[in-house]
N, C-alpha and C. Protein backbone atom coordinates (compact mmCIF):
# COMPACT_ATOMS: atom_id res chain seq x y z
N MET A 1 -3.17 -33.70 -29.18
CA MET A 1 -4.48 -33.10 -29.08
C MET A 1 -5.53 -34.20 -29.26
N LEU A 2 -6.49 -34.23 -28.39
CA LEU A 2 -7.56 -35.22 -28.46
C LEU A 2 -8.49 -34.92 -29.62
N PRO A 3 -8.94 -35.97 -30.30
CA PRO A 3 -9.94 -35.73 -31.35
C PRO A 3 -11.26 -35.29 -30.72
N ASP A 4 -12.14 -34.73 -31.53
CA ASP A 4 -13.43 -34.29 -31.00
C ASP A 4 -14.30 -35.51 -30.64
N ASN A 5 -15.39 -35.27 -29.94
CA ASN A 5 -16.26 -36.36 -29.46
C ASN A 5 -16.82 -37.20 -30.59
N ALA A 6 -17.14 -36.58 -31.72
CA ALA A 6 -17.70 -37.32 -32.85
C ALA A 6 -16.67 -38.31 -33.39
N ALA A 7 -15.43 -37.89 -33.50
CA ALA A 7 -14.36 -38.77 -33.98
C ALA A 7 -14.11 -39.90 -32.99
N LEU A 8 -14.14 -39.59 -31.69
CA LEU A 8 -13.96 -40.62 -30.67
C LEU A 8 -15.09 -41.65 -30.72
N GLU A 9 -16.32 -41.17 -30.87
CA GLU A 9 -17.47 -42.07 -30.95
C GLU A 9 -17.39 -42.96 -32.19
N GLU A 10 -16.96 -42.40 -33.31
CA GLU A 10 -16.81 -43.18 -34.54
C GLU A 10 -15.74 -44.26 -34.36
N ALA A 11 -14.63 -43.90 -33.74
CA ALA A 11 -13.56 -44.86 -33.49
C ALA A 11 -14.05 -45.97 -32.55
N TYR A 12 -14.77 -45.59 -31.52
CA TYR A 12 -15.32 -46.58 -30.58
C TYR A 12 -16.25 -47.54 -31.31
N GLN A 13 -17.14 -47.01 -32.14
CA GLN A 13 -18.09 -47.86 -32.87
C GLN A 13 -17.36 -48.81 -33.82
N THR A 14 -16.31 -48.34 -34.44
CA THR A 14 -15.53 -49.19 -35.35
C THR A 14 -14.89 -50.34 -34.59
N ILE A 15 -14.27 -50.05 -33.46
CA ILE A 15 -13.61 -51.10 -32.66
C ILE A 15 -14.65 -52.05 -32.07
N ALA A 16 -15.76 -51.52 -31.58
CA ALA A 16 -16.81 -52.37 -31.01
C ALA A 16 -17.37 -53.31 -32.07
N SER A 17 -17.58 -52.80 -33.27
CA SER A 17 -18.08 -53.63 -34.36
C SER A 17 -17.07 -54.70 -34.74
N PHE A 18 -15.79 -54.32 -34.83
CA PHE A 18 -14.72 -55.28 -35.13
C PHE A 18 -14.77 -56.46 -34.15
N TRP A 19 -14.81 -56.17 -32.86
CA TRP A 19 -14.79 -57.24 -31.86
C TRP A 19 -16.09 -58.03 -31.82
N ARG A 20 -17.21 -57.36 -31.99
CA ARG A 20 -18.50 -58.07 -31.98
C ARG A 20 -18.54 -59.09 -33.12
N ILE A 21 -18.19 -58.65 -34.32
CA ILE A 21 -18.20 -59.54 -35.49
C ILE A 21 -17.17 -60.64 -35.33
N THR A 22 -15.99 -60.29 -34.83
CA THR A 22 -14.91 -61.27 -34.67
C THR A 22 -15.27 -62.31 -33.61
N LEU A 23 -15.74 -61.87 -32.46
CA LEU A 23 -16.09 -62.81 -31.39
C LEU A 23 -17.26 -63.71 -31.79
N ASP A 24 -18.21 -63.16 -32.52
CA ASP A 24 -19.36 -63.96 -32.95
C ASP A 24 -19.02 -64.92 -34.08
N GLY A 25 -18.04 -64.57 -34.90
CA GLY A 25 -17.77 -65.36 -36.11
C GLY A 25 -16.64 -66.35 -36.04
N VAL A 26 -15.77 -66.24 -35.06
CA VAL A 26 -14.59 -67.11 -35.01
C VAL A 26 -14.79 -68.19 -33.96
N GLN A 27 -14.74 -69.43 -34.40
CA GLN A 27 -15.01 -70.57 -33.52
C GLN A 27 -14.07 -70.62 -32.32
N ALA A 28 -12.79 -70.30 -32.51
CA ALA A 28 -11.84 -70.36 -31.39
C ALA A 28 -12.24 -69.39 -30.28
N TYR A 29 -12.73 -68.22 -30.66
CA TYR A 29 -13.17 -67.26 -29.66
C TYR A 29 -14.45 -67.72 -28.98
N GLN A 30 -15.32 -68.36 -29.73
CA GLN A 30 -16.54 -68.92 -29.15
C GLN A 30 -16.19 -70.01 -28.12
N GLN A 31 -15.23 -70.87 -28.46
CA GLN A 31 -14.80 -71.91 -27.52
C GLN A 31 -14.20 -71.28 -26.27
N TYR A 32 -13.38 -70.27 -26.45
CA TYR A 32 -12.76 -69.57 -25.32
C TYR A 32 -13.82 -68.97 -24.40
N LEU A 33 -14.79 -68.29 -24.99
CA LEU A 33 -15.85 -67.67 -24.20
C LEU A 33 -16.67 -68.70 -23.46
N GLU A 34 -16.95 -69.81 -24.12
CA GLU A 34 -17.73 -70.89 -23.48
C GLU A 34 -16.97 -71.46 -22.28
N LEU A 35 -15.68 -71.68 -22.44
CA LEU A 35 -14.88 -72.19 -21.32
C LEU A 35 -14.87 -71.20 -20.15
N THR A 36 -14.69 -69.92 -20.45
CA THR A 36 -14.65 -68.93 -19.36
C THR A 36 -16.01 -68.78 -18.68
N ARG A 37 -17.09 -68.86 -19.45
CA ARG A 37 -18.43 -68.79 -18.85
C ARG A 37 -18.67 -69.94 -17.88
N ASN A 38 -18.08 -71.08 -18.18
CA ASN A 38 -18.25 -72.27 -17.35
C ASN A 38 -17.12 -72.46 -16.34
N ASN A 39 -16.30 -71.42 -16.16
CA ASN A 39 -15.18 -71.45 -15.22
C ASN A 39 -14.25 -72.64 -15.44
N LYS A 40 -14.01 -72.96 -16.70
CA LYS A 40 -13.10 -74.05 -17.06
C LYS A 40 -11.80 -73.44 -17.55
N PRO A 41 -10.71 -74.18 -17.43
CA PRO A 41 -9.41 -73.64 -17.85
C PRO A 41 -9.34 -73.45 -19.37
N VAL A 42 -8.64 -72.41 -19.76
CA VAL A 42 -8.48 -72.10 -21.17
C VAL A 42 -7.04 -72.35 -21.65
N SER A 43 -6.19 -72.81 -20.75
CA SER A 43 -4.77 -72.94 -21.09
C SER A 43 -4.52 -73.88 -22.27
N ASN A 44 -5.22 -75.01 -22.33
CA ASN A 44 -5.01 -75.93 -23.46
C ASN A 44 -5.40 -75.28 -24.78
N LEU A 45 -6.51 -74.58 -24.79
CA LEU A 45 -6.95 -73.90 -26.01
C LEU A 45 -5.93 -72.84 -26.41
N ARG A 46 -5.44 -72.09 -25.46
CA ARG A 46 -4.43 -71.04 -25.74
C ARG A 46 -3.14 -71.64 -26.27
N GLU A 47 -2.78 -72.83 -25.78
CA GLU A 47 -1.54 -73.47 -26.22
C GLU A 47 -1.67 -74.05 -27.62
N GLU A 48 -2.88 -74.29 -28.07
CA GLU A 48 -3.11 -74.93 -29.37
C GLU A 48 -3.42 -73.95 -30.48
N ASN A 49 -3.88 -72.75 -30.17
CA ASN A 49 -4.44 -71.88 -31.18
C ASN A 49 -3.78 -70.50 -31.19
N LEU A 50 -3.17 -70.17 -32.30
CA LEU A 50 -2.49 -68.88 -32.44
C LEU A 50 -3.44 -67.69 -32.37
N LEU A 51 -4.72 -67.91 -32.67
CA LEU A 51 -5.68 -66.80 -32.60
C LEU A 51 -5.86 -66.26 -31.19
N LEU A 52 -5.45 -67.03 -30.21
CA LEU A 52 -5.62 -66.60 -28.83
C LEU A 52 -4.36 -65.92 -28.29
N ARG A 53 -3.48 -65.54 -29.18
CA ARG A 53 -2.26 -64.83 -28.80
C ARG A 53 -2.34 -63.37 -29.26
N PRO A 54 -1.88 -62.45 -28.43
CA PRO A 54 -1.99 -61.02 -28.77
C PRO A 54 -1.35 -60.64 -30.11
N VAL A 55 -0.22 -61.25 -30.46
CA VAL A 55 0.44 -60.90 -31.72
C VAL A 55 -0.48 -61.22 -32.90
N THR A 56 -1.15 -62.36 -32.85
CA THR A 56 -2.06 -62.73 -33.93
C THR A 56 -3.27 -61.81 -33.94
N GLN A 57 -3.75 -61.44 -32.78
CA GLN A 57 -4.89 -60.52 -32.72
C GLN A 57 -4.53 -59.16 -33.31
N MET A 58 -3.30 -58.71 -33.08
CA MET A 58 -2.86 -57.45 -33.68
C MET A 58 -2.74 -57.61 -35.20
N ALA A 59 -2.32 -58.79 -35.65
CA ALA A 59 -2.27 -59.05 -37.09
C ALA A 59 -3.67 -59.00 -37.70
N LEU A 60 -4.67 -59.49 -36.96
CA LEU A 60 -6.05 -59.42 -37.44
C LEU A 60 -6.50 -57.97 -37.58
N ALA A 61 -6.04 -57.11 -36.69
CA ALA A 61 -6.37 -55.68 -36.80
C ALA A 61 -5.77 -55.12 -38.10
N HIS A 62 -4.59 -55.58 -38.45
CA HIS A 62 -3.97 -55.18 -39.71
C HIS A 62 -4.84 -55.63 -40.90
N VAL A 63 -5.35 -56.85 -40.82
CA VAL A 63 -6.24 -57.37 -41.86
C VAL A 63 -7.52 -56.54 -41.92
N ALA A 64 -8.07 -56.19 -40.77
CA ALA A 64 -9.30 -55.39 -40.72
C ALA A 64 -9.09 -54.03 -41.37
N LEU A 65 -7.96 -53.40 -41.11
CA LEU A 65 -7.67 -52.11 -41.72
C LEU A 65 -7.56 -52.24 -43.23
N MET A 66 -6.89 -53.29 -43.68
CA MET A 66 -6.75 -53.51 -45.11
C MET A 66 -8.13 -53.75 -45.75
N ALA A 67 -8.97 -54.55 -45.09
CA ALA A 67 -10.32 -54.81 -45.60
C ALA A 67 -11.11 -53.50 -45.67
N GLN A 68 -11.00 -52.69 -44.64
CA GLN A 68 -11.72 -51.41 -44.63
C GLN A 68 -11.27 -50.52 -45.78
N ARG A 69 -9.98 -50.45 -46.00
CA ARG A 69 -9.45 -49.61 -47.09
C ARG A 69 -9.88 -50.13 -48.46
N LYS A 70 -10.08 -51.43 -48.57
CA LYS A 70 -10.52 -52.03 -49.82
C LYS A 70 -12.04 -52.13 -49.92
N GLU A 71 -12.72 -51.60 -48.89
CA GLU A 71 -14.17 -51.62 -48.82
C GLU A 71 -14.73 -53.04 -48.90
N ILE A 72 -14.07 -53.96 -48.18
CA ILE A 72 -14.51 -55.34 -48.06
C ILE A 72 -15.12 -55.49 -46.68
N SER A 73 -16.32 -56.05 -46.60
CA SER A 73 -16.99 -56.14 -45.30
C SER A 73 -16.23 -57.09 -44.38
N TRP A 74 -16.13 -56.69 -43.12
CA TRP A 74 -15.43 -57.50 -42.13
C TRP A 74 -16.17 -58.83 -41.92
N ASP A 75 -17.49 -58.81 -42.01
CA ASP A 75 -18.29 -60.04 -41.90
C ASP A 75 -17.83 -61.08 -42.92
N SER A 76 -17.59 -60.66 -44.16
CA SER A 76 -17.21 -61.61 -45.20
C SER A 76 -15.81 -62.16 -44.99
N VAL A 77 -14.98 -61.45 -44.26
CA VAL A 77 -13.61 -61.89 -43.99
C VAL A 77 -13.57 -62.83 -42.79
N VAL A 78 -14.26 -62.48 -41.73
CA VAL A 78 -14.17 -63.21 -40.46
C VAL A 78 -14.54 -64.68 -40.60
N GLY A 79 -15.58 -64.99 -41.34
CA GLY A 79 -15.99 -66.38 -41.50
C GLY A 79 -14.89 -67.26 -42.08
N LYS A 80 -14.01 -66.67 -42.86
CA LYS A 80 -12.92 -67.43 -43.49
C LYS A 80 -11.84 -67.82 -42.49
N PHE A 81 -11.76 -67.12 -41.36
CA PHE A 81 -10.73 -67.44 -40.36
C PHE A 81 -10.89 -68.86 -39.83
N ASN A 82 -12.13 -69.35 -39.81
CA ASN A 82 -12.38 -70.71 -39.31
C ASN A 82 -11.81 -71.79 -40.23
N GLN A 83 -11.45 -71.41 -41.44
CA GLN A 83 -10.90 -72.37 -42.39
C GLN A 83 -9.37 -72.38 -42.40
N ILE A 84 -8.77 -71.57 -41.57
CA ILE A 84 -7.30 -71.49 -41.49
C ILE A 84 -6.82 -72.37 -40.34
N ASP A 85 -5.73 -73.07 -40.57
CA ASP A 85 -5.09 -73.87 -39.52
C ASP A 85 -4.25 -72.93 -38.66
N TRP A 86 -4.74 -72.65 -37.45
CA TRP A 86 -4.09 -71.72 -36.53
C TRP A 86 -3.19 -72.43 -35.52
N SER A 87 -2.86 -73.68 -35.77
CA SER A 87 -2.04 -74.42 -34.81
C SER A 87 -0.58 -73.98 -34.87
N PHE A 88 0.07 -74.14 -33.76
CA PHE A 88 1.50 -73.81 -33.68
C PHE A 88 2.32 -74.70 -34.60
N ASN A 89 1.80 -75.86 -34.97
CA ASN A 89 2.53 -76.81 -35.80
C ASN A 89 2.36 -76.56 -37.29
N ASN A 90 1.51 -75.62 -37.67
CA ASN A 90 1.32 -75.31 -39.08
C ASN A 90 2.57 -74.60 -39.59
N GLU A 91 3.26 -75.23 -40.53
CA GLU A 91 4.52 -74.69 -41.04
C GLU A 91 4.37 -73.31 -41.66
N LEU A 92 3.17 -72.97 -42.10
CA LEU A 92 2.94 -71.64 -42.68
C LEU A 92 3.38 -70.55 -41.71
N TRP A 93 3.17 -70.76 -40.42
CA TRP A 93 3.45 -69.72 -39.43
C TRP A 93 4.89 -69.73 -38.93
N PHE A 94 5.68 -70.76 -39.31
CA PHE A 94 7.08 -70.81 -38.87
C PHE A 94 7.84 -69.61 -39.44
N ASN A 95 8.54 -68.93 -38.56
CA ASN A 95 9.34 -67.75 -38.88
C ASN A 95 8.50 -66.56 -39.35
N ILE A 96 7.19 -66.65 -39.17
CA ILE A 96 6.30 -65.51 -39.41
C ILE A 96 5.65 -65.13 -38.08
N LEU A 97 5.01 -66.11 -37.42
CA LEU A 97 4.42 -65.90 -36.10
C LEU A 97 5.10 -66.73 -35.02
N VAL A 98 5.66 -67.88 -35.40
CA VAL A 98 6.22 -68.83 -34.45
C VAL A 98 7.67 -69.13 -34.83
N ILE A 99 8.52 -69.15 -33.82
CA ILE A 99 9.89 -69.59 -34.07
C ILE A 99 9.82 -71.06 -34.44
N GLY A 100 10.41 -71.43 -35.56
CA GLY A 100 10.30 -72.79 -36.08
C GLY A 100 11.04 -73.81 -35.24
N SER A 101 10.57 -74.04 -34.03
CA SER A 101 11.17 -75.04 -33.15
C SER A 101 10.08 -75.65 -32.29
N ALA A 102 10.46 -76.58 -31.49
CA ALA A 102 9.50 -77.25 -30.61
C ALA A 102 9.09 -76.36 -29.42
N ASN A 103 9.73 -75.23 -29.24
CA ASN A 103 9.46 -74.37 -28.09
C ASN A 103 8.14 -73.61 -28.19
N LYS A 104 7.59 -73.49 -29.38
CA LYS A 104 6.33 -72.78 -29.59
C LYS A 104 6.39 -71.34 -29.08
N LYS A 105 7.46 -70.67 -29.36
CA LYS A 105 7.60 -69.27 -28.95
C LYS A 105 7.13 -68.37 -30.07
N MET A 106 6.42 -67.32 -29.67
CA MET A 106 5.88 -66.36 -30.63
C MET A 106 6.96 -65.36 -31.04
N ILE A 107 6.86 -64.92 -32.28
CA ILE A 107 7.70 -63.84 -32.77
C ILE A 107 6.88 -62.56 -32.57
N THR A 108 7.46 -61.60 -31.91
CA THR A 108 6.73 -60.37 -31.63
C THR A 108 7.38 -59.20 -32.36
N GLY A 109 6.74 -58.09 -32.31
CA GLY A 109 7.27 -56.88 -32.94
C GLY A 109 6.44 -56.48 -34.13
N LYS A 110 6.62 -55.24 -34.54
CA LYS A 110 5.78 -54.70 -35.60
C LYS A 110 6.00 -55.39 -36.94
N ASP A 111 7.21 -55.86 -37.22
CA ASP A 111 7.44 -56.56 -38.48
C ASP A 111 6.70 -57.90 -38.52
N ALA A 112 6.69 -58.61 -37.39
CA ALA A 112 5.97 -59.88 -37.32
C ALA A 112 4.47 -59.65 -37.46
N ILE A 113 3.96 -58.62 -36.83
CA ILE A 113 2.53 -58.30 -36.92
C ILE A 113 2.16 -57.97 -38.36
N ARG A 114 2.94 -57.14 -38.99
CA ARG A 114 2.67 -56.75 -40.37
C ARG A 114 2.77 -57.96 -41.29
N SER A 115 3.82 -58.75 -41.15
CA SER A 115 4.00 -59.92 -42.01
C SER A 115 2.86 -60.91 -41.85
N ALA A 116 2.51 -61.21 -40.62
CA ALA A 116 1.40 -62.13 -40.37
C ALA A 116 0.11 -61.55 -40.92
N GLY A 117 -0.11 -60.26 -40.72
CA GLY A 117 -1.30 -59.61 -41.24
C GLY A 117 -1.39 -59.71 -42.76
N MET A 118 -0.27 -59.54 -43.43
CA MET A 118 -0.27 -59.64 -44.89
C MET A 118 -0.58 -61.07 -45.35
N VAL A 119 0.00 -62.06 -44.68
CA VAL A 119 -0.25 -63.45 -45.06
C VAL A 119 -1.72 -63.80 -44.81
N ILE A 120 -2.24 -63.42 -43.66
CA ILE A 120 -3.65 -63.68 -43.35
C ILE A 120 -4.54 -62.97 -44.37
N ALA A 121 -4.23 -61.71 -44.65
CA ALA A 121 -5.02 -60.94 -45.63
C ALA A 121 -5.03 -61.64 -46.98
N TYR A 122 -3.88 -62.15 -47.38
CA TYR A 122 -3.82 -62.86 -48.66
C TYR A 122 -4.75 -64.08 -48.64
N MET A 123 -4.74 -64.81 -47.55
CA MET A 123 -5.56 -66.01 -47.48
C MET A 123 -7.06 -65.72 -47.53
N VAL A 124 -7.48 -64.59 -46.96
CA VAL A 124 -8.91 -64.31 -46.86
C VAL A 124 -9.42 -63.31 -47.89
N MET A 125 -8.53 -62.58 -48.54
CA MET A 125 -8.98 -61.63 -49.56
C MET A 125 -7.93 -61.41 -50.64
N GLY A 126 -7.17 -62.46 -50.93
CA GLY A 126 -6.10 -62.37 -51.92
C GLY A 126 -6.56 -61.96 -53.30
N ASN A 127 -7.78 -62.32 -53.67
CA ASN A 127 -8.30 -61.95 -54.98
C ASN A 127 -8.50 -60.45 -55.13
N GLN A 128 -8.56 -59.74 -54.01
CA GLN A 128 -8.76 -58.29 -54.06
C GLN A 128 -7.48 -57.50 -53.76
N MET A 129 -6.37 -58.22 -53.64
CA MET A 129 -5.11 -57.54 -53.36
C MET A 129 -4.43 -57.12 -54.66
N THR A 130 -3.65 -56.07 -54.58
CA THR A 130 -2.90 -55.60 -55.76
C THR A 130 -1.74 -56.55 -56.02
N ARG A 131 -1.20 -56.45 -57.21
CA ARG A 131 -0.05 -57.29 -57.56
C ARG A 131 1.12 -57.02 -56.60
N GLY A 132 1.31 -55.75 -56.24
CA GLY A 132 2.38 -55.40 -55.31
C GLY A 132 2.17 -56.02 -53.93
N GLU A 133 0.92 -56.04 -53.47
CA GLU A 133 0.62 -56.66 -52.18
C GLU A 133 0.87 -58.16 -52.22
N VAL A 134 0.48 -58.80 -53.31
CA VAL A 134 0.72 -60.24 -53.47
C VAL A 134 2.21 -60.53 -53.53
N ASP A 135 2.94 -59.70 -54.24
CA ASP A 135 4.41 -59.86 -54.30
C ASP A 135 5.03 -59.71 -52.92
N ASP A 136 4.49 -58.80 -52.12
CA ASP A 136 4.96 -58.60 -50.75
C ASP A 136 4.74 -59.87 -49.93
N VAL A 137 3.55 -60.46 -50.04
CA VAL A 137 3.25 -61.70 -49.32
C VAL A 137 4.19 -62.81 -49.78
N ARG A 138 4.40 -62.91 -51.08
CA ARG A 138 5.31 -63.93 -51.62
C ARG A 138 6.71 -63.77 -51.01
N GLN A 139 7.17 -62.54 -50.90
CA GLN A 139 8.50 -62.30 -50.34
C GLN A 139 8.55 -62.62 -48.85
N ILE A 140 7.49 -62.31 -48.12
CA ILE A 140 7.42 -62.63 -46.70
C ILE A 140 7.57 -64.14 -46.51
N ILE A 141 6.84 -64.91 -47.29
CA ILE A 141 6.88 -66.37 -47.16
C ILE A 141 8.23 -66.92 -47.62
N ARG A 142 8.76 -66.38 -48.71
CA ARG A 142 10.09 -66.83 -49.18
C ARG A 142 11.15 -66.56 -48.12
N ASN A 143 11.11 -65.38 -47.51
CA ASN A 143 12.09 -65.05 -46.47
C ASN A 143 11.93 -65.97 -45.26
N ALA A 144 10.69 -66.27 -44.89
CA ALA A 144 10.45 -67.14 -43.74
C ALA A 144 10.96 -68.54 -43.99
N ARG A 145 10.86 -69.01 -45.22
CA ARG A 145 11.30 -70.37 -45.57
C ARG A 145 12.74 -70.41 -46.05
N ASN A 146 13.30 -69.23 -46.35
CA ASN A 146 14.62 -69.15 -46.94
C ASN A 146 14.67 -69.98 -48.23
N ASN A 147 13.60 -69.82 -49.04
CA ASN A 147 13.45 -70.62 -50.24
C ASN A 147 12.70 -69.78 -51.28
N ASP A 148 13.35 -69.49 -52.40
CA ASP A 148 12.74 -68.67 -53.44
C ASP A 148 11.66 -69.41 -54.22
N ASN A 149 11.52 -70.71 -54.02
CA ASN A 149 10.52 -71.50 -54.75
C ASN A 149 9.28 -71.81 -53.93
N THR A 150 9.20 -71.26 -52.73
CA THR A 150 8.04 -71.50 -51.88
C THR A 150 6.79 -70.90 -52.51
N VAL A 151 5.70 -71.65 -52.46
CA VAL A 151 4.46 -71.18 -53.07
C VAL A 151 3.57 -70.51 -52.03
N LEU A 152 2.66 -69.68 -52.52
CA LEU A 152 1.72 -68.99 -51.65
C LEU A 152 0.66 -69.98 -51.13
N PRO A 153 0.13 -69.70 -49.94
CA PRO A 153 -0.97 -70.53 -49.45
C PRO A 153 -2.21 -70.34 -50.32
N CYS A 154 -3.18 -71.21 -50.18
CA CYS A 154 -4.41 -71.09 -50.95
C CYS A 154 -5.25 -69.93 -50.45
N ILE A 155 -5.93 -69.29 -51.39
CA ILE A 155 -6.89 -68.25 -51.04
C ILE A 155 -8.20 -68.94 -50.69
N ILE A 156 -8.79 -68.54 -49.58
CA ILE A 156 -10.07 -69.12 -49.14
C ILE A 156 -11.18 -68.36 -49.85
N LEU A 157 -11.98 -69.08 -50.58
CA LEU A 157 -13.08 -68.44 -51.33
C LEU A 157 -14.37 -68.48 -50.56
């Protein structure tokens, strides 16, 4: 059953706001838009930056939902994305978003999206996460590294 028009309009406004804030605030998206406006190739940028991959974008949606539930403004979160190393070579993403090999293949599926979303959420709003959420992130990273002594990434303040 379709939701009523008011619910549809609210959902549309939420998604439009998410993308407006994200596109305006994230440097990688600004670079992408600038290249496309000038009819220049974007392939190099896409090959270098995980933010330009659909799996990572879905993980950002997971972060946005978590921020909304915690009543954290999306504006305050988005600016922190520019401080994260989104390269395929960043070991943080090995076995979370990227298969840890030279092939630079993405890991897809709902578990990868959720795991990446939790790690990203920790980096940008870890101080507002519950102990259980932090423990979940710790386990995601430990499983990805196959190492119980792996430490959490830094929280961006």
